[in-house]
Amino acid sequence: MIKRGRFAPTPSGELHIGNAFAALASWLQIRQSGGTYVLRIEDIDKPRSRPAFAKLQQEDLRWLGIDWDEGPNVGGAFAPYEQSKRELLYEAALRQLQQSEHLYPCYCSRAELAMIASAPHGLSSEGAAYPGICRHLSTEERASKEIHKSPSLRFIMPDQPIVFDDQIRGVTSYKNEELGDFVIKRADGVFSYQLAVVVDDAAMAVTDVLRGADLLDSTPRQLALYKALSIQPPRFAHIPLLGDEDGHRLSKRDKSLTLAALREDGVKPERLVGLIGYIAGWLDELRPMAAQQLIPHFSLDSLPLRQQIISISKQQLGWLRKSD
């Protein structure tokens, strides 16, 4: 089977070197296998998305040496490649989930959700696990609440644990109480990331999803959606995040580490590729290297198992900015 992978940035800001790590790793995996690489712009949250950022992100990727076989300005069999133009597909999936009774309306206010967040529930990338307050409301209670508030729609997570084999981290398991029922469509009409990414990966025949460990707990949610929609899921691999010497995740607010800033400072893309290759274990020494040259060195096996963060030293960042 020919592999199909993707990189799917949200155009709400500039790409930083952590994004470059995920983009390069996913691109190397597909290029090494001779597969098809897709770029998708995840601009489903229109108030946060900016076309200027989408344009800049594509320029950054090309600067790094990453190309794509399908996507914006390239086209492909599964166009369009911008989520804001694919809402009819999400509506169809939503109707399917409603018909199979996988959804329920939620009327909780932001204040109520903030109180939930302060309680000792499980925490995930989406915040505190929702304890199902609105799941068992009667028809009369829902009608009464709907007079005052338009509901969001939540997906009912299965009671049994969700277990999957991550290509980097191995067998991984999540319990329902760690995640809770999650929003599929917000009260303002915006579809959730979780639904859109599942629908799009399925529609675009994506076979391999390689992304950052910050999205690891999205996987059980997405697997539950795949099952509810009767869709075969892709294989998942979650690479560690990049951090500083103290083991803290690199901040997106550090504008000096955006690809745009590095380009402006005259950093050569071969140095960033070489640094990523070294810290990922694909190279045995720090040395400049073009993205194409790194393809035969790529291996998931070299990445540290179950490590959340790979630290980058000040000396390594200094080498990155060193002129040839």
C-alpha atoms as a PDB file:
ATOM      1  CA  MET A   1       0.000   0.000   0.000  1.00  0.00           C
ATOM      2  CA  ILE A   2       1.324   3.443  -0.934  1.00  0.00           C
ATOM      3  CA  LYS A   3       1.586   5.683   2.108  1.00  0.00           C
ATOM      4  CA  ARG A   4      -0.211   9.011   2.217  1.00  0.00           C
ATOM      5  CA  GLY A   5       0.844  11.495   4.872  1.00  0.00           C
ATOM      6  CA  ARG A   6       0.091  15.105   5.607  1.00  0.00           C
ATOM      7  CA  PHE A   7       1.069  18.259   7.428  1.00  0.00           C
ATOM      8  CA  ALA A   8      -1.890  20.372   8.493  1.00  0.00           C
ATOM      9  CA  PRO A   9      -0.978  23.727  10.065  1.00  0.00           C
ATOM     10  CA  THR A  10      -3.492  26.174  11.484  1.00  0.00           C
ATOM     11  CA  PRO A  11      -2.945  29.628   9.961  1.00  0.00           C
ATOM     12  CA  SER A  12      -3.324  31.493  13.254  1.00  0.00           C
ATOM     13  CA  GLY A  13       0.376  32.321  13.651  1.00  0.00           C
ATOM     14  CA  GLU A  14       3.865  31.767  12.312  1.00  0.00           C
ATOM     15  CA  LEU A  15       5.530  28.358  12.138  1.00  0.00           C
ATOM     16  CA  HIS A  16       8.295  27.832  14.725  1.00  0.00           C
ATOM     17  CA  ILE A  17      11.014  25.232  14.937  1.00  0.00           C
ATOM     18  CA  GLY A  18       8.725  22.840  16.802  1.00  0.00           C
ATOM     19  CA  ASN A  19       6.358  22.915  13.824  1.00  0.00           C
ATOM     20  CA  ALA A  20       9.364  22.450  11.550  1.00  0.00           C
ATOM     21  CA  PHE A  21      10.287  19.265  13.454  1.00  0.00           C
ATOM     22  CA  ALA A  22       6.794  17.785  12.961  1.00  0.00           C
ATOM     23  CA  ALA A  23       6.555  18.915   9.332  1.00  0.00           C
ATOM     24  CA  LEU A  24      10.004  17.600   8.429  1.00  0.00           C
ATOM     25  CA  ALA A  25       9.478  14.267  10.208  1.00  0.00           C
ATOM     26  CA  SER A  26       6.125  13.627   8.500  1.00  0.00           C
ATOM     27  CA  TRP A  27       7.592  14.632   5.118  1.00  0.00           C
ATOM     28  CA  LEU A  28      10.654  12.389   5.564  1.00  0.00           C
ATOM     29  CA  GLN A  29       8.467   9.416   6.485  1.00  0.00           C
ATOM     30  CA  ILE A  30       6.449   9.739   3.288  1.00  0.00           C
ATOM     31  CA  ARG A  31       9.340  10.628   0.993  1.00  0.00           C
ATOM     32  CA  GLN A  32      11.370   7.663   2.261  1.00  0.00           C
ATOM     33  CA  SER A  33       8.483   5.311   1.429  1.00  0.00           C
ATOM     34  CA  GLY A  34       7.835   6.836  -2.002  1.00  0.00           C
ATOM     35  CA  GLY A  35       4.365   7.890  -0.910  1.00  0.00           C
ATOM     36  CA  THR A  36       2.198  10.971  -1.431  1.00  0.00           C
ATOM     37  CA  TYR A  37       2.513  14.040   0.784  1.00  0.00           C
ATOM     38  CA  VAL A  38      -0.415  16.393   1.376  1.00  0.00           C
ATOM     39  CA  LEU A  39      -0.512  19.925   2.748  1.00  0.00           C
ATOM     40  CA  ARG A  40      -3.863  20.883   4.268  1.00  0.00           C
ATOM     41  CA  ILE A  41      -4.705  24.280   5.743  1.00  0.00           C
ATOM     42  CA  GLU A  42      -6.794  23.814   8.894  1.00  0.00           C
ATOM     43  CA  ASP A  43      -8.624  27.145   8.887  1.00  0.00           C
ATOM     44  CA  ILE A  44     -11.950  25.829  10.171  1.00  0.00           C
ATOM     45  CA  ASP A  45     -11.877  28.373  13.033  1.00  0.00           C
ATOM     46  CA  LYS A  46     -12.301  31.400  10.788  1.00  0.00           C
ATOM     47  CA  PRO A  47     -12.017  34.117  13.505  1.00  0.00           C
ATOM     48  CA  ARG A  48      -8.519  32.840  14.418  1.00  0.00           C
ATOM     49  CA  SER A  49      -7.279  32.081  10.904  1.00  0.00           C
ATOM     50  CA  ARG A  50      -5.506  34.549   8.629  1.00  0.00           C
ATOM     51  CA  PRO A  51      -4.784  34.035   4.902  1.00  0.00           C
ATOM     52  CA  ALA A  52      -1.503  35.922   5.353  1.00  0.00           C
ATOM     53  CA  PHE A  53      -0.294  33.291   7.820  1.00  0.00           C
ATOM     54  CA  ALA A  54      -1.275  30.465   5.444  1.00  0.00           C
ATOM     55  CA  LYS A  55       0.806  32.111   2.704  1.00  0.00           C
ATOM     56  CA  LEU A  56       3.756  32.660   5.050  1.00  0.00           C
ATOM     57  CA  GLN A  57       3.622  29.062   6.303  1.00  0.00           C
ATOM     58  CA  GLN A  58       3.847  27.738   2.766  1.00  0.00           C
ATOM     59  CA  GLU A  59       6.842  29.986   2.103  1.00  0.00           C
ATOM     60  CA  ASP A  60       8.479  28.695   5.296  1.00  0.00           C
ATOM     61  CA  LEU A  61       7.971  25.070   4.283  1.00  0.00           C
ATOM     62  CA  ARG A  62       9.439  25.634   0.834  1.00  0.00           C
ATOM     63  CA  TRP A  63      12.417  27.431   2.413  1.00  0.00           C
ATOM     64  CA  LEU A  64      12.967  24.393   4.639  1.00  0.00           C
ATOM     65  CA  GLY A  65      12.962  22.127   1.577  1.00  0.00           C
ATOM     66  CA  ILE A  66       9.524  20.583   2.062  1.00  0.00           C
ATOM     67  CA  ASP A  67       7.320  20.157  -0.990  1.00  0.00           C
ATOM     68  CA  TRP A  68       3.884  18.586  -1.328  1.00  0.00           C
ATOM     69  CA  ASP A  69       2.182  16.503  -3.992  1.00  0.00           C
ATOM     70  CA  GLU A  70      -1.314  17.738  -3.162  1.00  0.00           C
ATOM     71  CA  GLY A  71      -2.449  20.923  -1.513  1.00  0.00           C
ATOM     72  CA  PRO A  72      -2.822  24.687  -1.975  1.00  0.00           C
ATOM     73  CA  ASN A  73      -1.440  26.021  -5.265  1.00  0.00           C
ATOM     74  CA  VAL A  74      -0.818  22.406  -6.369  1.00  0.00           C
ATOM     75  CA  GLY A  75      -4.297  20.871  -6.428  1.00  0.00           C
ATOM     76  CA  GLY A  76      -5.063  17.184  -6.297  1.00  0.00           C
ATOM     77  CA  ALA A  77      -7.832  14.627  -6.426  1.00  0.00           C
ATOM     78  CA  PHE A  78      -9.165  15.546  -2.974  1.00  0.00           C
ATOM     79  CA  ALA A  79      -9.355  19.334  -3.317  1.00  0.00           C
ATOM     80  CA  PRO A  80     -10.119  21.741  -1.790  1.00  0.00           C
ATOM     81  CA  TYR A  81      -7.281  21.578   0.717  1.00  0.00           C
ATOM     82  CA  GLU A  82      -8.576  24.349   2.973  1.00  0.00           C
ATOM     83  CA  GLN A  83     -10.953  23.219   5.721  1.00  0.00           C
ATOM     84  CA  SER A  84     -13.038  26.383   5.453  1.00  0.00           C
ATOM     85  CA  LYS A  85     -14.155  25.122   2.019  1.00  0.00           C
ATOM     86  CA  ARG A  86     -15.042  21.598   3.184  1.00  0.00           C
ATOM     87  CA  GLU A  87     -17.912  22.249   5.605  1.00  0.00           C
ATOM     88  CA  LEU A  88     -20.464  20.225   3.610  1.00  0.00           C
ATOM     89  CA  LEU A  89     -18.426  17.104   4.419  1.00  0.00           C
ATOM     90  CA  TYR A  90     -18.499  17.943   8.127  1.00  0.00           C
ATOM     91  CA  GLU A  91     -22.262  18.515   7.998  1.00  0.00           C
ATOM     92  CA  ALA A  92     -22.730  15.066   6.435  1.00  0.00           C
ATOM     93  CA  ALA A  93     -20.620  13.430   9.159  1.00  0.00           C
ATOM     94  CA  LEU A  94     -22.548  15.348  11.817  1.00  0.00           C
ATOM     95  CA  ARG A  95     -25.863  14.036  10.486  1.00  0.00           C
ATOM     96  CA  GLN A  96     -24.496  10.507  10.515  1.00  0.00           C
ATOM     97  CA  LEU A  97     -23.432  10.851  14.152  1.00  0.00           C
ATOM     98  CA  GLN A  98     -26.812  12.315  15.090  1.00  0.00           C
ATOM     99  CA  GLN A  99     -28.674   9.482  13.381  1.00  0.00           C
ATOM    100  CA  SER A 100     -26.580   6.905  15.219  1.00  0.00           C
ATOM    101  CA  GLU A 101     -27.213   8.745  18.523  1.00  0.00           C
ATOM    102  CA  HIS A 102     -23.571   9.521  19.238  1.00  0.00           C
ATOM    103  CA  LEU A 103     -24.263  13.195  20.048  1.00  0.00           C
ATOM    104  CA  TYR A 104     -26.187  15.252  22.568  1.00  0.00           C
ATOM    105  CA  PRO A 105     -26.748  19.007  23.018  1.00  0.00           C
ATOM    106  CA  CYS A 106     -24.751  20.763  25.737  1.00  0.00           C
ATOM    107  CA  TYR A 107     -25.965  24.019  27.293  1.00  0.00           C
ATOM    108  CA  CYS A 108     -23.125  24.629  29.749  1.00  0.00           C
ATOM    109  CA  SER A 109     -21.943  28.221  29.847  1.00  0.00           C
ATOM    110  CA  ARG A 110     -18.317  29.326  29.819  1.00  0.00           C
ATOM    111  CA  ALA A 111     -18.583  30.058  33.529  1.00  0.00           C
ATOM    112  CA  GLU A 112     -19.831  26.528  34.225  1.00  0.00           C
ATOM    113  CA  LEU A 113     -17.051  25.044  32.107  1.00  0.00           C
ATOM    114  CA  ALA A 114     -14.528  27.190  34.000  1.00  0.00           C
ATOM    115  CA  MET A 115     -15.828  25.712  37.266  1.00  0.00           C
ATOM    116  CA  ILE A 116     -15.391  22.237  35.803  1.00  0.00           C
ATOM    117  CA  ALA A 117     -11.802  23.119  34.905  1.00  0.00           C
ATOM    118  CA  SER A 118     -11.081  24.041  38.533  1.00  0.00           C
ATOM    119  CA  ALA A 119     -12.426  20.703  39.793  1.00  0.00           C
ATOM    120  CA  PRO A 120     -10.218  17.591  40.120  1.00  0.00           C
ATOM    121  CA  HIS A 121     -11.141  16.056  36.769  1.00  0.00           C
ATOM    122  CA  GLY A 122      -8.732  14.674  34.228  1.00  0.00           C
ATOM    123  CA  LEU A 123      -6.833  17.216  32.113  1.00  0.00           C
ATOM    124  CA  SER A 124      -6.046  16.944  28.430  1.00  0.00           C
ATOM    125  CA  SER A 125      -5.100  19.123  25.466  1.00  0.00           C
ATOM    126  CA  GLU A 126      -8.721  20.329  25.410  1.00  0.00           C
ATOM    127  CA  GLY A 127      -8.730  21.228  29.105  1.00  0.00           C
ATOM    128  CA  ALA A 128     -10.637  19.520  31.884  1.00  0.00           C
ATOM    129  CA  ALA A 129     -12.535  16.361  31.040  1.00  0.00           C
ATOM    130  CA  TYR A 130     -16.239  17.149  30.694  1.00  0.00           C
ATOM    131  CA  PRO A 131     -18.183  15.108  33.287  1.00  0.00           C
ATOM    132  CA  GLY A 132     -21.325  14.656  31.176  1.00  0.00           C
ATOM    133  CA  ILE A 133     -23.572  17.210  32.900  1.00  0.00           C
ATOM    134  CA  CYS A 134     -25.912  17.589  29.916  1.00  0.00           C
ATOM    135  CA  ARG A 135     -25.739  14.004  28.688  1.00  0.00           C
ATOM    136  CA  HIS A 136     -28.786  12.776  30.615  1.00  0.00           C
ATOM    137  CA  LEU A 137     -31.073  15.836  30.453  1.00  0.00           C
ATOM    138  CA  SER A 138     -34.708  15.043  29.759  1.00  0.00           C
ATOM    139  CA  THR A 139     -36.488  16.323  26.672  1.00  0.00           C
ATOM    140  CA  GLU A 140     -38.279  18.898  28.838  1.00  0.00           C
ATOM    141  CA  GLU A 141     -35.031  20.095  30.442  1.00  0.00           C
ATOM    142  CA  ARG A 142     -33.391  20.508  27.041  1.00  0.00           C
ATOM    143  CA  ALA A 143     -36.360  22.452  25.700  1.00  0.00           C
ATOM    144  CA  SER A 144     -36.264  24.759  28.722  1.00  0.00           C
ATOM    145  CA  LYS A 145     -32.546  25.444  28.366  1.00  0.00           C
ATOM    146  CA  GLU A 146     -32.771  25.999  24.614  1.00  0.00           C
ATOM    147  CA  ILE A 147     -35.043  28.986  25.189  1.00  0.00           C
ATOM    148  CA  HIS A 148     -32.071  30.845  26.668  1.00  0.00           C
ATOM    149  CA  LYS A 149     -29.056  29.337  24.929  1.00  0.00           C
ATOM    150  CA  SER A 150     -28.088  27.661  21.668  1.00  0.00           C
ATOM    151  CA  PRO A 151     -26.349  24.391  22.471  1.00  0.00           C
ATOM    152  CA  SER A 152     -23.048  22.968  21.358  1.00  0.00           C
ATOM    153  CA  LEU A 153     -23.039  19.307  20.307  1.00  0.00           C
ATOM    154  CA  ARG A 154     -20.946  16.800  22.242  1.00  0.00           C
ATOM    155  CA  PHE A 155     -19.772  13.363  21.207  1.00  0.00           C
ATOM    156  CA  ILE A 156     -20.417  10.509  23.651  1.00  0.00           C
ATOM    157  CA  MET A 157     -17.127   8.807  24.412  1.00  0.00           C
ATOM    158  CA  PRO A 158     -17.319   5.030  24.932  1.00  0.00           C
ATOM    159  CA  ASP A 159     -17.163   3.717  28.474  1.00  0.00           C
ATOM    160  CA  GLN A 160     -14.388   1.212  27.770  1.00  0.00           C
ATOM    161  CA  PRO A 161     -10.727   2.321  27.479  1.00  0.00           C
ATOM    162  CA  ILE A 162      -9.384   3.151  24.039  1.00  0.00           C
ATOM    163  CA  VAL A 163      -6.122   1.361  23.294  1.00  0.00           C
ATOM    164  CA  PHE A 164      -3.931   1.984  20.253  1.00  0.00           C
ATOM    165  CA  ASP A 165      -0.407   1.191  19.114  1.00  0.00           C
ATOM    166  CA  ASP A 166       1.534   4.385  18.530  1.00  0.00           C
ATOM    167  CA  GLN A 167       4.420   3.871  16.106  1.00  0.00           C
ATOM    168  CA  ILE A 168       6.793   5.721  18.430  1.00  0.00           C
ATOM    169  CA  ARG A 169       5.346   5.411  21.923  1.00  0.00           C
ATOM    170  CA  GLY A 170       4.028   1.860  21.674  1.00  0.00           C
ATOM    171  CA  VAL A 171       0.758   0.639  23.187  1.00  0.00           C
ATOM    172  CA  THR A 172      -1.121   3.582  24.682  1.00  0.00           C
ATOM    173  CA  SER A 173      -4.405   3.540  26.595  1.00  0.00           C
ATOM    174  CA  TYR A 174      -6.898   6.209  27.684  1.00  0.00           C
ATOM    175  CA  LYS A 175      -9.915   5.880  29.964  1.00  0.00           C
ATOM    176  CA  ASN A 176     -13.133   7.798  29.390  1.00  0.00           C
ATOM    177  CA  GLU A 177     -12.743   9.804  32.600  1.00  0.00           C
ATOM    178  CA  GLU A 178      -9.399  11.122  31.362  1.00  0.00           C
ATOM    179  CA  LEU A 179     -11.045  12.660  28.295  1.00  0.00           C
ATOM    180  CA  GLY A 180     -14.773  13.127  28.766  1.00  0.00           C
ATOM    181  CA  ASP A 181     -17.359  13.847  26.084  1.00  0.00           C
ATOM    182  CA  PHE A 182     -16.038  16.499  23.704  1.00  0.00           C
ATOM    183  CA  VAL A 183     -17.553  19.186  21.504  1.00  0.00           C
ATOM    184  CA  ILE A 184     -18.152  18.325  17.849  1.00  0.00           C
ATOM    185  CA  LYS A 185     -19.812  21.599  16.870  1.00  0.00           C
ATOM    186  CA  ARG A 186     -19.682  24.764  18.937  1.00  0.00           C
ATOM    187  CA  ALA A 187     -22.737  26.830  19.807  1.00  0.00           C
ATOM    188  CA  ASP A 188     -21.538  29.475  17.332  1.00  0.00           C
ATOM    189  CA  GLY A 189     -21.653  26.918  14.512  1.00  0.00           C
ATOM    190  CA  VAL A 190     -17.914  26.247  14.212  1.00  0.00           C
ATOM    191  CA  PHE A 191     -17.013  22.576  13.727  1.00  0.00           C
ATOM    192  CA  SER A 192     -14.394  21.153  16.065  1.00  0.00           C
ATOM    193  CA  TYR A 193     -10.860  20.247  15.101  1.00  0.00           C
ATOM    194  CA  GLN A 194     -11.529  16.652  16.137  1.00  0.00           C
ATOM    195  CA  LEU A 195     -14.375  16.137  13.665  1.00  0.00           C
ATOM    196  CA  ALA A 196     -12.809  18.077  10.790  1.00  0.00           C
ATOM    197  CA  VAL A 197      -9.470  16.274  10.979  1.00  0.00           C
ATOM    198  CA  VAL A 198     -11.097  12.828  11.023  1.00  0.00           C
ATOM    199  CA  VAL A 199     -13.378  13.626   8.091  1.00  0.00           C
ATOM    200  CA  ASP A 200     -10.539  15.165   6.076  1.00  0.00           C
ATOM    201  CA  ASP A 201      -7.962  12.467   6.770  1.00  0.00           C
ATOM    202  CA  ALA A 202     -10.518   9.852   5.737  1.00  0.00           C
ATOM    203  CA  ALA A 203     -11.636  11.756   2.632  1.00  0.00           C
ATOM    204  CA  MET A 204      -8.009  12.367   1.598  1.00  0.00           C
ATOM    205  CA  ALA A 205      -7.110   8.687   2.132  1.00  0.00           C
ATOM    206  CA  VAL A 206      -4.378   9.534   4.661  1.00  0.00           C
ATOM    207  CA  THR A 207      -2.687   6.332   5.861  1.00  0.00           C
ATOM    208  CA  ASP A 208      -0.084   7.764   8.254  1.00  0.00           C
ATOM    209  CA  VAL A 209      -0.417  10.630  10.724  1.00  0.00           C
ATOM    210  CA  LEU A 210       2.871  11.778  12.269  1.00  0.00           C
ATOM    211  CA  ARG A 211       2.494  14.763  14.598  1.00  0.00           C
ATOM    212  CA  GLY A 212       3.615  16.237  17.917  1.00  0.00           C
ATOM    213  CA  ALA A 213       3.086  14.596  21.304  1.00  0.00           C
ATOM    214  CA  ASP A 214       0.891  17.533  22.330  1.00  0.00           C
ATOM    215  CA  LEU A 215      -1.821  15.934  20.178  1.00  0.00           C
ATOM    216  CA  LEU A 216      -1.438  12.450  21.637  1.00  0.00           C
ATOM    217  CA  ASP A 217      -4.673  12.634  23.639  1.00  0.00           C
ATOM    218  CA  SER A 218      -6.536  13.727  20.514  1.00  0.00           C
ATOM    219  CA  THR A 219      -5.943  10.245  19.124  1.00  0.00           C
ATOM    220  CA  PRO A 220      -8.413   8.332  21.366  1.00  0.00           C
ATOM    221  CA  ARG A 221     -11.082  10.931  20.578  1.00  0.00           C
ATOM    222  CA  GLN A 222     -10.406  10.615  16.881  1.00  0.00           C
ATOM    223  CA  LEU A 223     -10.348   6.811  17.039  1.00  0.00           C
ATOM    224  CA  ALA A 224     -13.762   6.909  18.698  1.00  0.00           C
ATOM    225  CA  LEU A 225     -15.023   9.102  15.863  1.00  0.00           C
ATOM    226  CA  TYR A 226     -13.536   6.796  13.227  1.00  0.00           C
ATOM    227  CA  LYS A 227     -15.376   3.875  14.788  1.00  0.00           C
ATOM    228  CA  ALA A 228     -18.666   5.766  15.068  1.00  0.00           C
ATOM    229  CA  LEU A 229     -18.402   6.786  11.406  1.00  0.00           C
ATOM    230  CA  SER A 230     -17.376   3.239  10.330  1.00  0.00           C
ATOM    231  CA  ILE A 231     -14.080   4.486   8.878  1.00  0.00           C
ATOM    232  CA  GLN A 232     -10.714   2.704   8.968  1.00  0.00           C
ATOM    233  CA  PRO A 233      -8.273   4.936  10.922  1.00  0.00           C
ATOM    234  CA  PRO A 234      -4.724   5.752   9.820  1.00  0.00           C
ATOM    235  CA  ARG A 235      -1.580   4.735  11.688  1.00  0.00           C
ATOM    236  CA  PHE A 236      -0.476   7.262  14.314  1.00  0.00           C
ATOM    237  CA  ALA A 237       2.974   8.349  15.475  1.00  0.00           C
ATOM    238  CA  HIS A 238       3.620  11.147  17.973  1.00  0.00           C
ATOM    239  CA  ILE A 239       7.067  12.703  18.073  1.00  0.00           C
ATOM    240  CA  PRO A 240       8.424  14.461  21.181  1.00  0.00           C
ATOM    241  CA  LEU A 241       8.124  18.232  21.451  1.00  0.00           C
ATOM    242  CA  LEU A 242      11.135  20.519  21.439  1.00  0.00           C
ATOM    243  CA  GLY A 243      12.167  22.188  24.680  1.00  0.00           C
ATOM    244  CA  ASP A 244      14.868  24.307  26.285  1.00  0.00           C
ATOM    245  CA  GLU A 245      17.731  23.130  28.477  1.00  0.00           C
ATOM    246  CA  ASP A 246      15.445  23.026  31.525  1.00  0.00           C
ATOM    247  CA  GLY A 247      13.027  20.682  29.768  1.00  0.00           C
ATOM    248  CA  HIS A 248      10.322  23.298  29.265  1.00  0.00           C
ATOM    249  CA  ARG A 249       8.495  23.285  25.960  1.00  0.00           C
ATOM    250  CA  LEU A 250       9.696  25.999  23.597  1.00  0.00           C
ATOM    251  CA  SER A 251       7.248  28.879  23.723  1.00  0.00           C
ATOM    252  CA  LYS A 252       5.395  29.977  20.618  1.00  0.00           C
ATOM    253  CA  ARG A 253       5.724  33.479  22.019  1.00  0.00           C
ATOM    254  CA  ASP A 254       9.473  33.355  21.423  1.00  0.00           C
ATOM    255  CA  LYS A 255       9.384  35.033  18.026  1.00  0.00           C
ATOM    256  CA  SER A 256      13.139  34.559  17.559  1.00  0.00           C
ATOM    257  CA  LEU A 257      12.489  30.855  16.913  1.00  0.00           C
ATOM    258  CA  THR A 258       9.891  31.281  14.177  1.00  0.00           C
ATOM    259  CA  LEU A 259      10.979  30.185  10.723  1.00  0.00           C
ATOM    260  CA  ALA A 260      10.224  33.669   9.412  1.00  0.00           C
ATOM    261  CA  ALA A 261      12.608  35.197  11.987  1.00  0.00           C
ATOM    262  CA  LEU A 262      15.309  32.645  11.237  1.00  0.00           C
ATOM    263  CA  ARG A 263      14.996  33.351   7.531  1.00  0.00           C
ATOM    264  CA  GLU A 264      15.194  37.092   8.172  1.00  0.00           C
ATOM    265  CA  ASP A 265      18.316  36.585  10.303  1.00  0.00           C
ATOM    266  CA  GLY A 266      20.007  34.806   7.432  1.00  0.00           C
ATOM    267  CA  VAL A 267      19.906  31.295   8.930  1.00  0.00           C
ATOM    268  CA  LYS A 268      20.438  28.685   6.239  1.00  0.00           C
ATOM    269  CA  PRO A 269      17.710  26.029   5.987  1.00  0.00           C
ATOM    270  CA  GLU A 270      20.396  23.319   5.856  1.00  0.00           C
ATOM    271  CA  ARG A 271      21.425  24.256   9.388  1.00  0.00           C
ATOM    272  CA  LEU A 272      17.898  23.900  10.755  1.00  0.00           C
ATOM    273  CA  VAL A 273      17.462  20.578   8.937  1.00  0.00           C
ATOM    274  CA  GLY A 274      20.829  19.415  10.288  1.00  0.00           C
ATOM    275  CA  LEU A 275      19.918  20.444  13.847  1.00  0.00           C
ATOM    276  CA  ILE A 276      16.590  18.612  13.675  1.00  0.00           C
ATOM    277  CA  GLY A 277      18.296  15.562  12.197  1.00  0.00           C
ATOM    278  CA  TYR A 278      20.820  15.530  15.027  1.00  0.00           C
ATOM    279  CA  ILE A 279      18.439  15.965  17.969  1.00  0.00           C
ATOM    280  CA  ALA A 280      16.093  13.353  16.464  1.00  0.00           C
ATOM    281  CA  GLY A 281      18.925  10.828  16.284  1.00  0.00           C
ATOM    282  CA  TRP A 282      18.988  10.654  12.489  1.00  0.00           C
ATOM    283  CA  LEU A 283      22.495  12.157  12.298  1.00  0.00           C
ATOM    284  CA  ASP A 284      25.480  11.342  14.509  1.00  0.00           C
ATOM    285  CA  GLU A 285      26.861  14.884  14.422  1.00  0.00           C
ATOM    286  CA  LEU A 286      25.709  18.440  13.895  1.00  0.00           C
ATOM    287  CA  ARG A 287      26.192  19.246  10.239  1.00  0.00           C
ATOM    288  CA  PRO A 288      24.290  21.222   7.621  1.00  0.00           C
ATOM    289  CA  MET A 289      22.135  19.044   5.397  1.00  0.00           C
ATOM    290  CA  ALA A 290      19.417  19.628   2.808  1.00  0.00           C
ATOM    291  CA  ALA A 291      16.026  18.079   3.481  1.00  0.00           C
ATOM    292  CA  GLN A 292      16.353  15.769   0.474  1.00  0.00           C
ATOM    293  CA  GLN A 293      19.713  14.508   1.783  1.00  0.00           C
ATOM    294  CA  LEU A 294      18.152  13.591   5.128  1.00  0.00           C
ATOM    295  CA  ILE A 295      15.599  11.179   3.604  1.00  0.00           C
ATOM    296  CA  PRO A 296      17.743   7.993   3.802  1.00  0.00           C
ATOM    297  CA  HIS A 297      18.702   8.787   7.427  1.00  0.00           C
ATOM    298  CA  PHE A 298      15.110   9.000   8.717  1.00  0.00           C
ATOM    299  CA  SER A 299      13.921   6.385  11.217  1.00  0.00           C
ATOM    300  CA  LEU A 300      11.145   6.330  13.783  1.00  0.00           C
ATOM    301  CA  ASP A 301      13.216   3.896  15.837  1.00  0.00           C
ATOM    302  CA  SER A 302      15.830   6.529  16.697  1.00  0.00           C
ATOM    303  CA  LEU A 303      13.330   8.799  18.454  1.00  0.00           C
ATOM    304  CA  PRO A 304      13.251   8.409  22.269  1.00  0.00           C
ATOM    305  CA  LEU A 305      10.367   6.192  23.323  1.00  0.00           C
ATOM    306  CA  ARG A 306       7.688   7.866  25.424  1.00  0.00           C
ATOM    307  CA  GLN A 307       9.790  11.013  25.856  1.00  0.00           C
ATOM    308  CA  GLN A 308       7.602  14.100  25.858  1.00  0.00           C
ATOM    309  CA  ILE A 309      10.299  16.721  25.238  1.00  0.00           C
ATOM    310  CA  ILE A 310      13.682  16.768  23.499  1.00  0.00           C
ATOM    311  CA  SER A 311      15.824  19.596  24.881  1.00  0.00           C
ATOM    312  CA  ILE A 312      17.810  21.893  22.624  1.00  0.00           C
ATOM    313  CA  SER A 313      20.897  23.425  24.236  1.00  0.00           C
ATOM    314  CA  LYS A 314      22.032  27.019  23.894  1.00  0.00           C
ATOM    315  CA  GLN A 315      25.142  25.724  22.145  1.00  0.00           C
ATOM    316  CA  GLN A 316      22.981  23.958  19.549  1.00  0.00           C
ATOM    317  CA  LEU A 317      20.915  27.101  18.978  1.00  0.00           C
ATOM    318  CA  GLY A 318      24.187  28.998  18.632  1.00  0.00           C
ATOM    319  CA  TRP A 319      25.353  26.502  16.001  1.00  0.00           C
ATOM    320  CA  LEU A 320      22.045  26.993  14.181  1.00  0.00           C
ATOM    321  CA  ARG A 321      22.738  30.706  13.796  1.00  0.00           C
ATOM    322  CA  LYS A 322      26.401  30.281  12.948  1.00  0.00           C
ATOM    323  CA  SER A 323      27.379  31.433   9.473  1.00  0.00           C
ATOM    324  CA  ASP A 324      29.023  28.921   7.191  1.00  0.00           C
END
